[in-house]
C-alpha atoms as a PDB file:
ATOM      1  CA  UNK A   1      -1.311  16.585 -31.205  1.00  0.00           C
ATOM      2  CA  UNK A   2       1.694  18.759 -30.997  1.00  0.00           C
ATOM      3  CA  UNK A   3      -0.357  21.405 -29.185  1.00  0.00           C
ATOM      4  CA  UNK A   4      -1.490  18.899 -26.413  1.00  0.00           C
ATOM      5  CA  UNK A   5       0.951  18.541 -23.448  1.00  0.00           C
ATOM      6  CA  UNK A   6       1.915  14.809 -23.284  1.00  0.00           C
ATOM      7  CA  UNK A   7       1.622  14.800 -19.577  1.00  0.00           C
ATOM      8  CA  UNK A   8      -2.105  15.489 -19.852  1.00  0.00           C
ATOM      9  CA  UNK A   9      -2.567  12.648 -22.360  1.00  0.00           C
ATOM     10  CA  UNK A  10      -0.735  10.266 -19.993  1.00  0.00           C
ATOM     11  CA  UNK A  11      -2.733  11.582 -17.115  1.00  0.00           C
ATOM     12  CA  UNK A  12      -5.972  10.330 -18.677  1.00  0.00           C
ATOM     13  CA  UNK A  13      -4.586   7.401 -20.839  1.00  0.00           C
ATOM     14  CA  UNK A  14      -3.325   5.500 -17.806  1.00  0.00           C
ATOM     15  CA  UNK A  15      -6.682   5.024 -16.068  1.00  0.00           C
ATOM     16  CA  UNK A  16      -8.341   4.414 -19.537  1.00  0.00           C
ATOM     17  CA  UNK A  17      -6.161   1.454 -20.025  1.00  0.00           C
ATOM     18  CA  UNK A  18      -5.830   0.294 -16.313  1.00  0.00           C
ATOM     19  CA  UNK A  19      -9.507   0.559 -15.505  1.00  0.00           C
ATOM     20  CA  UNK A  20     -11.743   1.267 -18.545  1.00  0.00           C
ATOM     21  CA  UNK A  21     -10.320  -1.011 -21.201  1.00  0.00           C
ATOM     22  CA  UNK A  22      -9.600  -3.792 -18.764  1.00  0.00           C
ATOM     23  CA  UNK A  23     -13.210  -3.718 -17.810  1.00  0.00           C
ATOM     24  CA  UNK A  24     -12.525  -3.110 -14.163  1.00  0.00           C
ATOM     25  CA  UNK A  25     -14.458   0.088 -14.365  1.00  0.00           C
ATOM     26  CA  UNK A  26     -16.917  -0.087 -17.296  1.00  0.00           C
ATOM     27  CA  UNK A  27     -18.190   3.155 -18.895  1.00  0.00           C
ATOM     28  CA  UNK A  28     -21.058   3.736 -16.453  1.00  0.00           C
ATOM     29  CA  UNK A  29     -18.535   3.716 -13.606  1.00  0.00           C
ATOM     30  CA  UNK A  30     -15.652   5.431 -15.405  1.00  0.00           C
ATOM     31  CA  UNK A  31     -17.617   8.301 -16.989  1.00  0.00           C
ATOM     32  CA  UNK A  32     -19.117   9.712 -13.783  1.00  0.00           C
ATOM     33  CA  UNK A  33     -17.916  12.663 -11.807  1.00  0.00           C
ATOM     34  CA  UNK A  34     -16.311  10.461  -9.090  1.00  0.00           C
ATOM     35  CA  UNK A  35     -14.587   8.108 -11.461  1.00  0.00           C
ATOM     36  CA  UNK A  36     -13.295  11.004 -13.635  1.00  0.00           C
ATOM     37  CA  UNK A  37     -11.867  12.772 -10.583  1.00  0.00           C
ATOM     38  CA  UNK A  38     -10.365   9.846  -8.643  1.00  0.00           C
ATOM     39  CA  UNK A  39      -9.083   7.496 -11.349  1.00  0.00           C
ATOM     40  CA  UNK A  40      -6.981   9.952 -13.270  1.00  0.00           C
ATOM     41  CA  UNK A  41      -5.616  11.392 -10.061  1.00  0.00           C
ATOM     42  CA  UNK A  42      -4.559   7.894  -9.065  1.00  0.00           C
ATOM     43  CA  UNK A  43      -3.397   6.260 -12.228  1.00  0.00           C
ATOM     44  CA  UNK A  44      -2.361   9.405 -14.123  1.00  0.00           C
ATOM     45  CA  UNK A  45      -0.298  10.812 -11.215  1.00  0.00           C
ATOM     46  CA  UNK A  46       1.346   7.381 -10.713  1.00  0.00           C
ATOM     47  CA  UNK A  47       2.288   7.026 -14.415  1.00  0.00           C
ATOM     48  CA  UNK A  48       3.577  10.468 -14.790  1.00  0.00           C
ATOM     49  CA  UNK A  49       5.593  10.320 -11.571  1.00  0.00           C
ATOM     50  CA  UNK A  50       7.130   6.911 -12.590  1.00  0.00           C
ATOM     51  CA  UNK A  51       8.275   8.298 -15.987  1.00  0.00           C
ATOM     52  CA  UNK A  52       9.560  11.507 -14.667  1.00  0.00           C
ATOM     53  CA  UNK A  53      11.506   9.929 -11.760  1.00  0.00           C
ATOM     54  CA  UNK A  54      13.137   7.501 -14.126  1.00  0.00           C
ATOM     55  CA  UNK A  55      14.042  10.192 -16.639  1.00  0.00           C
ATOM     56  CA  UNK A  56      15.539  12.407 -13.979  1.00  0.00           C
ATOM     57  CA  UNK A  57      17.843   9.600 -13.043  1.00  0.00           C
ATOM     58  CA  UNK A  58      18.633   8.981 -16.689  1.00  0.00           C
ATOM     59  CA  UNK A  59      17.146   5.576 -16.539  1.00  0.00           C
ATOM     60  CA  UNK A  60      14.253   4.175 -18.537  1.00  0.00           C
ATOM     61  CA  UNK A  61      12.258   0.903 -18.593  1.00  0.00           C
ATOM     62  CA  UNK A  62      13.767  -1.228 -15.820  1.00  0.00           C
ATOM     63  CA  UNK A  63      13.275   1.721 -13.439  1.00  0.00           C
ATOM     64  CA  UNK A  64       9.751   2.482 -14.764  1.00  0.00           C
ATOM     65  CA  UNK A  65       8.685  -1.180 -14.271  1.00  0.00           C
ATOM     66  CA  UNK A  66      10.046  -1.326 -10.779  1.00  0.00           C
ATOM     67  CA  UNK A  67       8.313   1.908  -9.935  1.00  0.00           C
ATOM     68  CA  UNK A  68       5.175   0.392 -11.442  1.00  0.00           C
ATOM     69  CA  UNK A  69       5.444  -2.583  -9.033  1.00  0.00           C
ATOM     70  CA  UNK A  70       5.573   0.042  -6.257  1.00  0.00           C
ATOM     71  CA  UNK A  71       2.527   1.743  -7.624  1.00  0.00           C
ATOM     72  CA  UNK A  72       0.650  -1.504  -7.767  1.00  0.00           C
ATOM     73  CA  UNK A  73       1.221  -2.132  -3.976  1.00  0.00           C
ATOM     74  CA  UNK A  74       0.413   1.555  -3.230  1.00  0.00           C
ATOM     75  CA  UNK A  75      -2.984   1.289  -4.968  1.00  0.00           C
ATOM     76  CA  UNK A  76      -4.075  -2.297  -4.131  1.00  0.00           C
ATOM     77  CA  UNK A  77      -2.396  -2.683  -0.794  1.00  0.00           C
ATOM     78  CA  UNK A  78      -2.221   0.647   0.809  1.00  0.00           C
ATOM     79  CA  UNK A  79      -5.194   2.398  -0.709  1.00  0.00           C
ATOM     80  CA  UNK A  80      -7.972   0.081  -1.366  1.00  0.00           C
ATOM     81  CA  UNK A  81      -6.421  -2.692   0.846  1.00  0.00           C
ATOM     82  CA  UNK A  82      -7.520  -5.519  -1.523  1.00  0.00           C
ATOM     83  CA  UNK A  83      -4.316  -7.253  -0.543  1.00  0.00           C
ATOM     84  CA  UNK A  84      -5.775  -7.990   2.846  1.00  0.00           C
ATOM     85  CA  UNK A  85      -9.498  -7.615   2.623  1.00  0.00           C
ATOM     86  CA  UNK A  86     -11.175 -11.045   2.164  1.00  0.00           C
ATOM     87  CA  UNK A  87     -14.474  -9.560   1.132  1.00  0.00           C
ATOM     88  CA  UNK A  88     -13.007  -7.189  -1.572  1.00  0.00           C
ATOM     89  CA  UNK A  89     -15.580  -7.161  -4.357  1.00  0.00           C
ATOM     90  CA  UNK A  90     -13.389  -8.217  -7.153  1.00  0.00           C
ATOM     91  CA  UNK A  91     -11.627 -11.140  -5.346  1.00  0.00           C
ATOM     92  CA  UNK A  92     -14.049 -14.012  -5.974  1.00  0.00           C
ATOM     93  CA  UNK A  93     -12.249 -17.312  -5.276  1.00  0.00           C
ATOM     94  CA  UNK A  94      -9.061 -15.440  -4.527  1.00  0.00           C
ATOM     95  CA  UNK A  95     -10.441 -14.349  -1.253  1.00  0.00           C
ATOM     96  CA  UNK A  96      -9.930 -17.961  -0.080  1.00  0.00           C
ATOM     97  CA  UNK A  97      -7.314 -19.287  -2.634  1.00  0.00           C
ATOM     98  CA  UNK A  98      -3.896 -18.158  -1.648  1.00  0.00           C
ATOM     99  CA  UNK A  99      -4.985 -16.376   1.533  1.00  0.00           C
ATOM    100  CA  UNK A 100      -2.715 -16.890   4.515  1.00  0.00           C
ATOM    101  CA  UNK A 101      -1.728 -14.747   7.557  1.00  0.00           C
ATOM    102  CA  UNK A 102      -4.278 -12.037   6.628  1.00  0.00           C
ATOM    103  CA  UNK A 103      -2.889 -11.530   3.102  1.00  0.00           C
ATOM    104  CA  UNK A 104      -4.445 -12.515  -0.302  1.00  0.00           C
ATOM    105  CA  UNK A 105      -1.048 -13.686  -1.797  1.00  0.00           C
ATOM    106  CA  UNK A 106      -2.077 -14.788  -5.220  1.00  0.00           C
ATOM    107  CA  UNK A 107      -4.225 -11.723  -5.788  1.00  0.00           C
ATOM    108  CA  UNK A 108      -1.445  -9.413  -4.501  1.00  0.00           C
ATOM    109  CA  UNK A 109       1.167 -10.988  -6.798  1.00  0.00           C
ATOM    110  CA  UNK A 110      -0.928 -10.841  -9.924  1.00  0.00           C
ATOM    111  CA  UNK A 111      -2.290  -7.274  -9.299  1.00  0.00           C
ATOM    112  CA  UNK A 112       1.201  -6.026  -8.553  1.00  0.00           C
ATOM    113  CA  UNK A 113       2.455  -7.285 -11.858  1.00  0.00           C
ATOM    114  CA  UNK A 114      -0.623  -6.100 -13.730  1.00  0.00           C
ATOM    115  CA  UNK A 115      -0.340  -2.572 -12.581  1.00  0.00           C
ATOM    116  CA  UNK A 116       3.321  -2.270 -13.322  1.00  0.00           C
ATOM    117  CA  UNK A 117       2.912  -3.632 -16.939  1.00  0.00           C
ATOM    118  CA  UNK A 118      -0.591  -2.439 -17.949  1.00  0.00           C
ATOM    119  CA  UNK A 119      -1.413   0.620 -15.723  1.00  0.00           C
ATOM    120  CA  UNK A 120       2.127   2.267 -15.686  1.00  0.00           C
ATOM    121  CA  UNK A 121       4.407   0.983 -18.528  1.00  0.00           C
ATOM    122  CA  UNK A 122       1.879   0.514 -21.274  1.00  0.00           C
ATOM    123  CA  UNK A 123       0.500   4.031 -21.303  1.00  0.00           C
ATOM    124  CA  UNK A 124       3.910   5.527 -21.065  1.00  0.00           C
ATOM    125  CA  UNK A 125       4.960   3.483 -24.099  1.00  0.00           C
ATOM    126  CA  UNK A 126       1.888   4.736 -26.020  1.00  0.00           C
ATOM    127  CA  UNK A 127       2.275   8.313 -25.197  1.00  0.00           C
ATOM    128  CA  UNK A 128       5.929   8.385 -26.088  1.00  0.00           C
ATOM    129  CA  UNK A 129       4.960   6.960 -29.439  1.00  0.00           C
ATOM    130  CA  UNK A 130       2.312   9.513 -29.856  1.00  0.00           C
ATOM    131  CA  UNK A 131       4.914  12.295 -29.001  1.00  0.00           C
ATOM    132  CA  UNK A 132       8.158  10.733 -30.253  1.00  0.00           C
ATOM    133  CA  UNK A 133       9.964  14.040 -30.637  1.00  0.00           C
ATOM    134  CA  UNK A 134       9.468  14.574 -26.826  1.00  0.00           C
ATOM    135  CA  UNK A 135      10.140  11.197 -25.540  1.00  0.00           C
ATOM    136  CA  UNK A 136      13.441  12.223 -23.978  1.00  0.00           C
ATOM    137  CA  UNK A 137      12.037  15.475 -22.430  1.00  0.00           C
ATOM    138  CA  UNK A 138      10.784  16.129 -19.076  1.00  0.00           C
ATOM    139  CA  UNK A 139       7.044  16.700 -19.215  1.00  0.00           C
ATOM    140  CA  UNK A 140       6.503  18.302 -15.827  1.00  0.00           C
ATOM    141  CA  UNK A 141       8.722  20.615 -13.812  1.00  0.00           C
ATOM    142  CA  UNK A 142       9.529  20.574 -10.043  1.00  0.00           C
ATOM    143  CA  UNK A 143       6.296  22.111  -8.946  1.00  0.00           C
ATOM    144  CA  UNK A 144       4.428  19.674 -11.079  1.00  0.00           C
ATOM    145  CA  UNK A 145       6.125  16.758  -9.438  1.00  0.00           C
ATOM    146  CA  UNK A 146       5.368  18.105  -6.003  1.00  0.00           C
ATOM    147  CA  UNK A 147       1.617  18.720  -6.968  1.00  0.00           C
ATOM    148  CA  UNK A 148       1.295  15.295  -8.425  1.00  0.00           C
ATOM    149  CA  UNK A 149       2.938  13.659  -5.374  1.00  0.00           C
ATOM    150  CA  UNK A 150       0.544  15.476  -3.086  1.00  0.00           C
ATOM    151  CA  UNK A 151      -2.398  14.653  -5.268  1.00  0.00           C
ATOM    152  CA  UNK A 152      -1.396  10.937  -5.291  1.00  0.00           C
ATOM    153  CA  UNK A 153      -1.028  10.882  -1.504  1.00  0.00           C
ATOM    154  CA  UNK A 154      -4.452  12.630  -0.950  1.00  0.00           C
ATOM    155  CA  UNK A 155      -6.109  10.098  -3.263  1.00  0.00           C
ATOM    156  CA  UNK A 156      -4.440   7.129  -1.346  1.00  0.00           C
ATOM    157  CA  UNK A 157      -5.548   8.529   2.052  1.00  0.00           C
ATOM    158  CA  UNK A 158      -9.052   9.175   0.817  1.00  0.00           C
ATOM    159  CA  UNK A 159      -9.257   5.587  -0.436  1.00  0.00           C
ATOM    160  CA  UNK A 160      -7.944   4.172   2.755  1.00  0.00           C
ATOM    161  CA  UNK A 161     -10.443   5.928   4.982  1.00  0.00           C
ATOM    162  CA  UNK A 162     -13.485   6.207   2.732  1.00  0.00           C
ATOM    163  CA  UNK A 163     -13.620   3.601  -0.053  1.00  0.00           C
ATOM    164  CA  UNK A 164     -14.206   0.700   2.431  1.00  0.00           C
ATOM    165  CA  UNK A 165     -14.525   0.366   6.174  1.00  0.00           C
ATOM    166  CA  UNK A 166     -12.051  -2.569   6.332  1.00  0.00           C
ATOM    167  CA  UNK A 167      -8.915  -1.911   8.290  1.00  0.00           C
ATOM    168  CA  UNK A 168      -6.119  -4.442   7.690  1.00  0.00           C
ATOM    169  CA  UNK A 169      -3.853  -5.894  10.286  1.00  0.00           C
ATOM    170  CA  UNK A 170      -1.005  -3.599  11.242  1.00  0.00           C
ATOM    171  CA  UNK A 171       1.904  -5.925  10.584  1.00  0.00           C
ATOM    172  CA  UNK A 172       1.013  -7.013   6.999  1.00  0.00           C
ATOM    173  CA  UNK A 173       0.114  -3.368   6.242  1.00  0.00           C
ATOM    174  CA  UNK A 174       3.502  -2.179   7.430  1.00  0.00           C
ATOM    175  CA  UNK A 175       5.120  -4.904   5.359  1.00  0.00           C
ATOM    176  CA  UNK A 176       3.384  -3.642   2.274  1.00  0.00           C
ATOM    177  CA  UNK A 177       4.422  -0.074   3.056  1.00  0.00           C
ATOM    178  CA  UNK A 178       8.037  -1.257   3.653  1.00  0.00           C
ATOM    179  CA  UNK A 179       8.234  -3.177   0.297  1.00  0.00           C
ATOM    180  CA  UNK A 180       6.814  -0.062  -1.511  1.00  0.00           C
ATOM    181  CA  UNK A 181       9.544   2.006  -0.131  1.00  0.00           C
ATOM    182  CA  UNK A 182      12.073  -0.690  -0.782  1.00  0.00           C
ATOM    183  CA  UNK A 183      11.042  -0.866  -4.468  1.00  0.00           C
ATOM    184  CA  UNK A 184      11.222   2.942  -4.765  1.00  0.00           C
ATOM    185  CA  UNK A 185      14.846   2.795  -3.489  1.00  0.00           C
ATOM    186  CA  UNK A 186      15.772  -0.218  -5.641  1.00  0.00           C
ATOM    187  CA  UNK A 187      14.461   1.628  -8.747  1.00  0.00           C
ATOM    188  CA  UNK A 188      17.261   4.106  -8.438  1.00  0.00           C
ATOM    189  CA  UNK A 189      19.794   1.218  -8.568  1.00  0.00           C
ATOM    190  CA  UNK A 190      18.238  -0.453 -11.614  1.00  0.00           C
ATOM    191  CA  UNK A 191      20.436  -0.391 -14.816  1.00  0.00           C
ATOM    192  CA  UNK A 192      19.477   1.868 -17.794  1.00  0.00           C
ATOM    193  CA  UNK A 193      19.082  -1.103 -20.099  1.00  0.00           C
ATOM    194  CA  UNK A 194      17.835  -4.667 -19.468  1.00  0.00           C
ATOM    195  CA  UNK A 195      20.639  -6.270 -21.365  1.00  0.00           C
ATOM    196  CA  UNK A 196      23.524  -5.748 -23.718  1.00  0.00           C
ATOM    197  CA  UNK A 197      22.652  -6.022 -27.382  1.00  0.00           C
ATOM    198  CA  UNK A 198      23.006  -9.352 -28.979  1.00  0.00           C
ATOM    199  CA  UNK A 199      24.540 -10.221 -32.324  1.00  0.00           C
ATOM    200  CA  UNK A 200      21.783 -12.432 -33.681  1.00  0.00           C
ATOM    201  CA  UNK A 201      19.355 -10.993 -36.202  1.00  0.00           C
ATOM    202  CA  UNK A 202      16.596  -8.928 -34.965  1.00  0.00           C
ATOM    203  CA  UNK A 203      12.920 -10.299 -34.988  1.00  0.00           C
ATOM    204  CA  UNK A 204      10.164  -8.549 -36.889  1.00  0.00           C
ATOM    205  CA  UNK A 205       7.266  -6.684 -35.310  1.00  0.00           C
ATOM    206  CA  UNK A 206       4.884  -9.528 -35.834  1.00  0.00           C
ATOM    207  CA  UNK A 207       6.688 -11.595 -33.275  1.00  0.00           C
ATOM    208  CA  UNK A 208       6.683  -8.741 -30.756  1.00  0.00           C
ATOM    209  CA  UNK A 209       2.964  -8.516 -31.267  1.00  0.00           C
ATOM    210  CA  UNK A 210       2.586 -12.282 -30.716  1.00  0.00           C
ATOM    211  CA  UNK A 211       4.598 -12.138 -27.502  1.00  0.00           C
ATOM    212  CA  UNK A 212       2.480  -9.284 -26.121  1.00  0.00           C
ATOM    213  CA  UNK A 213      -0.775 -11.075 -26.976  1.00  0.00           C
ATOM    214  CA  UNK A 214       0.321 -14.553 -25.815  1.00  0.00           C
ATOM    215  CA  UNK A 215       1.911 -13.363 -22.611  1.00  0.00           C
ATOM    216  CA  UNK A 216      -1.163 -11.426 -21.582  1.00  0.00           C
ATOM    217  CA  UNK A 217      -3.443 -14.342 -22.543  1.00  0.00           C
ATOM    218  CA  UNK A 218      -1.376 -16.751 -20.327  1.00  0.00           C
ATOM    219  CA  UNK A 219      -1.130 -14.376 -17.597  1.00  0.00           C
ATOM    220  CA  UNK A 220      -4.955 -13.945 -17.300  1.00  0.00           C
ATOM    221  CA  UNK A 221      -5.445 -17.655 -17.887  1.00  0.00           C
ATOM    222  CA  UNK A 222      -3.276 -18.421 -14.778  1.00  0.00           C
ATOM    223  CA  UNK A 223      -5.123 -15.660 -12.803  1.00  0.00           C
ATOM    224  CA  UNK A 224      -8.581 -16.911 -13.657  1.00  0.00           C
ATOM    225  CA  UNK A 225      -8.315 -20.625 -14.367  1.00  0.00           C
ATOM    226  CA  UNK A 226      -5.543 -21.976 -11.941  1.00  0.00           C
ATOM    227  CA  UNK A 227      -7.708 -21.202  -8.805  1.00  0.00           C
ATOM    228  CA  UNK A 228     -10.737 -22.798 -10.365  1.00  0.00           C
ATOM    229  CA  UNK A 229      -9.002 -26.138 -11.164  1.00  0.00           C
ATOM    230  CA  UNK A 230      -7.115 -26.241  -7.819  1.00  0.00           C
ATOM    231  CA  UNK A 231      -3.525 -25.706  -8.892  1.00  0.00           C
ATOM    232  CA  UNK A 232      -1.374 -25.528  -5.666  1.00  0.00           C
ATOM    233  CA  UNK A 233      -1.030 -21.942  -4.633  1.00  0.00           C
ATOM    234  CA  UNK A 234       2.942 -22.077  -4.638  1.00  0.00           C
ATOM    235  CA  UNK A 235       2.851 -23.364  -8.275  1.00  0.00           C
ATOM    236  CA  UNK A 236       0.414 -20.627  -9.348  1.00  0.00           C
ATOM    237  CA  UNK A 237       2.711 -17.875  -7.909  1.00  0.00           C
ATOM    238  CA  UNK A 238       5.825 -19.572  -9.290  1.00  0.00           C
ATOM    239  CA  UNK A 239       4.253 -19.867 -12.669  1.00  0.00           C
ATOM    240  CA  UNK A 240       3.500 -16.032 -12.738  1.00  0.00           C
ATOM    241  CA  UNK A 241       7.157 -15.265 -11.935  1.00  0.00           C
ATOM    242  CA  UNK A 242       8.376 -17.697 -14.488  1.00  0.00           C
ATOM    243  CA  UNK A 243       6.126 -16.063 -17.145  1.00  0.00           C
ATOM    244  CA  UNK A 244       7.666 -12.690 -16.382  1.00  0.00           C
ATOM    245  CA  UNK A 245      11.166 -14.178 -16.672  1.00  0.00           C
ATOM    246  CA  UNK A 246      10.272 -16.031 -19.880  1.00  0.00           C
ATOM    247  CA  UNK A 247       8.893 -12.749 -21.483  1.00  0.00           C
ATOM    248  CA  UNK A 248      12.127 -10.827 -20.567  1.00  0.00           C
ATOM    249  CA  UNK A 249      14.361 -13.547 -21.979  1.00  0.00           C
ATOM    250  CA  UNK A 250      12.221 -13.721 -25.154  1.00  0.00           C
ATOM    251  CA  UNK A 251      12.363  -9.976 -25.666  1.00  0.00           C
ATOM    252  CA  UNK A 252      16.034  -9.999 -25.100  1.00  0.00           C
ATOM    253  CA  UNK A 253      16.735 -12.610 -27.771  1.00  0.00           C
ATOM    254  CA  UNK A 254      14.278 -10.788 -30.187  1.00  0.00           C
ATOM    255  CA  UNK A 255      15.862  -7.387 -29.769  1.00  0.00           C
ATOM    256  CA  UNK A 256      18.966  -8.172 -31.851  1.00  0.00           C
ATOM    257  CA  UNK A 257      21.870  -5.912 -32.351  1.00  0.00           C
ATOM    258  CA  UNK A 258      19.897  -3.007 -33.522  1.00  0.00           C
ATOM    259  CA  UNK A 259      17.549  -2.844 -30.491  1.00  0.00           C
ATOM    260  CA  UNK A 260      13.794  -2.100 -30.591  1.00  0.00           C
ATOM    261  CA  UNK A 261      12.202   0.110 -33.184  1.00  0.00           C
ATOM    262  CA  UNK A 262       9.074   2.075 -32.610  1.00  0.00           C
ATOM    263  CA  UNK A 263       7.352  -0.426 -34.747  1.00  0.00           C
ATOM    264  CA  UNK A 264       8.498  -3.257 -32.420  1.00  0.00           C
ATOM    265  CA  UNK A 265       7.286  -1.251 -29.289  1.00  0.00           C
ATOM    266  CA  UNK A 266       3.944  -0.577 -30.782  1.00  0.00           C
ATOM    267  CA  UNK A 267       3.454  -4.183 -32.042  1.00  0.00           C
ATOM    268  CA  UNK A 268       4.295  -5.510 -28.427  1.00  0.00           C
ATOM    269  CA  UNK A 269       1.888  -3.041 -26.745  1.00  0.00           C
ATOM    270  CA  UNK A 270      -0.826  -3.625 -29.393  1.00  0.00           C
ATOM    271  CA  UNK A 271      -0.539  -7.319 -28.982  1.00  0.00           C
ATOM    272  CA  UNK A 272      -1.092  -6.979 -25.199  1.00  0.00           C
ATOM    273  CA  UNK A 273      -4.009  -4.685 -25.664  1.00  0.00           C
ATOM    274  CA  UNK A 274      -5.589  -6.826 -28.329  1.00  0.00           C
ATOM    275  CA  UNK A 275      -6.424  -9.318 -25.552  1.00  0.00           C
ATOM    276  CA  UNK A 276      -8.502  -6.583 -23.748  1.00  0.00           C
ATOM    277  CA  UNK A 277     -10.025  -5.496 -27.025  1.00  0.00           C
ATOM    278  CA  UNK A 278     -11.316  -9.095 -27.656  1.00  0.00           C
ATOM    279  CA  UNK A 279     -12.465  -9.419 -24.125  1.00  0.00           C
ATOM    280  CA  UNK A 280     -14.506  -6.121 -24.196  1.00  0.00           C
ATOM    281  CA  UNK A 281     -17.622  -7.538 -25.957  1.00  0.00           C
ATOM    282  CA  UNK A 282     -17.501 -10.680 -23.868  1.00  0.00           C
ATOM    283  CA  UNK A 283     -17.483  -8.446 -20.777  1.00  0.00           C
ATOM    284  CA  UNK A 284     -20.498  -6.529 -21.960  1.00  0.00           C
ATOM    285  CA  UNK A 285     -22.549  -9.666 -22.307  1.00  0.00           C
ATOM    286  CA  UNK A 286     -21.354 -11.532 -19.168  1.00  0.00           C
ATOM    287  CA  UNK A 287     -24.548 -12.085 -17.245  1.00  0.00           C
ATOM    288  CA  UNK A 288     -22.590 -13.135 -14.219  1.00  0.00           C
ATOM    289  CA  UNK A 289     -21.091  -9.600 -13.517  1.00  0.00           C
ATOM    290  CA  UNK A 290     -22.515  -7.828 -10.590  1.00  0.00           C
ATOM    291  CA  UNK A 291     -21.800  -4.340 -12.142  1.00  0.00           C
ATOM    292  CA  UNK A 292     -23.176  -2.788 -15.431  1.00  0.00           C
ATOM    293  CA  UNK A 293     -20.780  -3.460 -18.333  1.00  0.00           C
ATOM    294  CA  UNK A 294     -22.794  -1.655 -20.953  1.00  0.00           C
ATOM    295  CA  UNK A 295     -20.633   0.040 -23.565  1.00  0.00           C
ATOM    296  CA  UNK A 296     -17.631  -2.228 -23.305  1.00  0.00           C
ATOM    297  CA  UNK A 297     -17.916  -3.324 -26.953  1.00  0.00           C
ATOM    298  CA  UNK A 298     -17.692   0.426 -27.921  1.00  0.00           C
ATOM    299  CA  UNK A 299     -14.667   0.794 -25.613  1.00  0.00           C
ATOM    300  CA  UNK A 300     -13.005  -2.059 -27.455  1.00  0.00           C
ATOM    301  CA  UNK A 301     -13.752  -0.658 -30.926  1.00  0.00           C
ATOM    302  CA  UNK A 302     -12.415   2.831 -29.899  1.00  0.00           C
ATOM    303  CA  UNK A 303      -9.158   1.220 -28.651  1.00  0.00           C
ATOM    304  CA  UNK A 304      -8.893  -0.862 -31.804  1.00  0.00           C
ATOM    305  CA  UNK A 305      -9.213   2.274 -34.032  1.00  0.00           C
ATOM    306  CA  UNK A 306      -6.761   4.196 -31.828  1.00  0.00           C
ATOM    307  CA  UNK A 307      -4.068   1.521 -32.248  1.00  0.00           C
ATOM    308  CA  UNK A 308      -4.731   1.467 -36.019  1.00  0.00           C
ATOM    309  CA  UNK A 309      -4.286   5.348 -36.092  1.00  0.00           C
ATOM    310  CA  UNK A 310      -1.118   5.069 -34.057  1.00  0.00           C
ATOM    311  CA  UNK A 311       0.325   2.299 -36.186  1.00  0.00           C
ATOM    312  CA  UNK A 312      -0.213   4.447 -39.379  1.00  0.00           C
ATOM    313  CA  UNK A 313       1.248   7.525 -37.605  1.00  0.00           C
ATOM    314  CA  UNK A 314       4.294   5.585 -36.600  1.00  0.00           C
ATOM    315  CA  UNK A 315       4.791   3.889 -39.922  1.00  0.00           C
ATOM    316  CA  UNK A 316       4.519   7.216 -41.735  1.00  0.00           C
ATOM    317  CA  UNK A 317       6.987   8.985 -39.467  1.00  0.00           C
ATOM    318  CA  UNK A 318       9.540   6.101 -39.659  1.00  0.00           C
ATOM    319  CA  UNK A 319       9.225   6.214 -43.507  1.00  0.00           C
ATOM    320  CA  UNK A 320       9.882   9.946 -43.620  1.00  0.00           C
ATOM    321  CA  UNK A 321      12.804   9.438 -41.223  1.00  0.00           C
ATOM    322  CA  UNK A 322      14.252   6.817 -43.480  1.00  0.00           C
ATOM    323  CA  UNK A 323      14.169   9.151 -46.556  1.00  0.00           C
ATOM    324  CA  UNK A 324      17.587  10.842 -47.483  1.00  0.00           C
END
């Protein structure tokens, strides 16, 4: 692994988590020339740029997550326009539920949070655990940053003009662009840490894993079930925001005086990804899907073995570091 540039691993891992493991692009869609070209150029460029921009400002996860929010709007709002298109293929009931003034508000909120956490922050977490000795290094230089920025811009423009013929209303689209730029500017004003370290005892990795799994389960439960049972739209959106706040508060109390170990980080991410691993075989045998989800069970198994391998690697390294 030391011979492989971590930037390349992140370039391909980001779309694997954001699209393949999540089931948004099952293997038949993901592993074709178009998917292998466009998805890494979109997700991979976004994840690398978010990490490198935060690192160059000597900031970390608060900044990465805010840049992840900006990425979510860039992809779903500015590129594929699913924030506005009532006929977007993945919307379902959310094309009606929460739609107002030409915007799919519930869909927009949930997808923005999803991309920040699962498409951007999660793969960065994992790649830095794979390459712990290089987590504080810059992975691309100035030319690489320019090239990735141009590549991301090109993919966004291609998606806007050619993925669908839908053209959103000018005012909501300009608002999305303004919010994206605002989040980009706000990221540079974010603190380096979420919180000051607390005195209470630190919680074990098991609890981090449970928080990762439970928060992901509740997040998707609200996304899928609340519209079906007719929960008022403002309550659904408020519940999503309260979930984010609750997770942040819980992680703050669990971090303790010593902060997070790599074991804690991996447990948190593994707990979140376990939801997708369990969902994978259900997706494959879901007869209501309009696409072909063949191979999702295998994707889940590969993800499971990857997490087991990374856990053993991390535990072995931490044990060696603890030796005198």
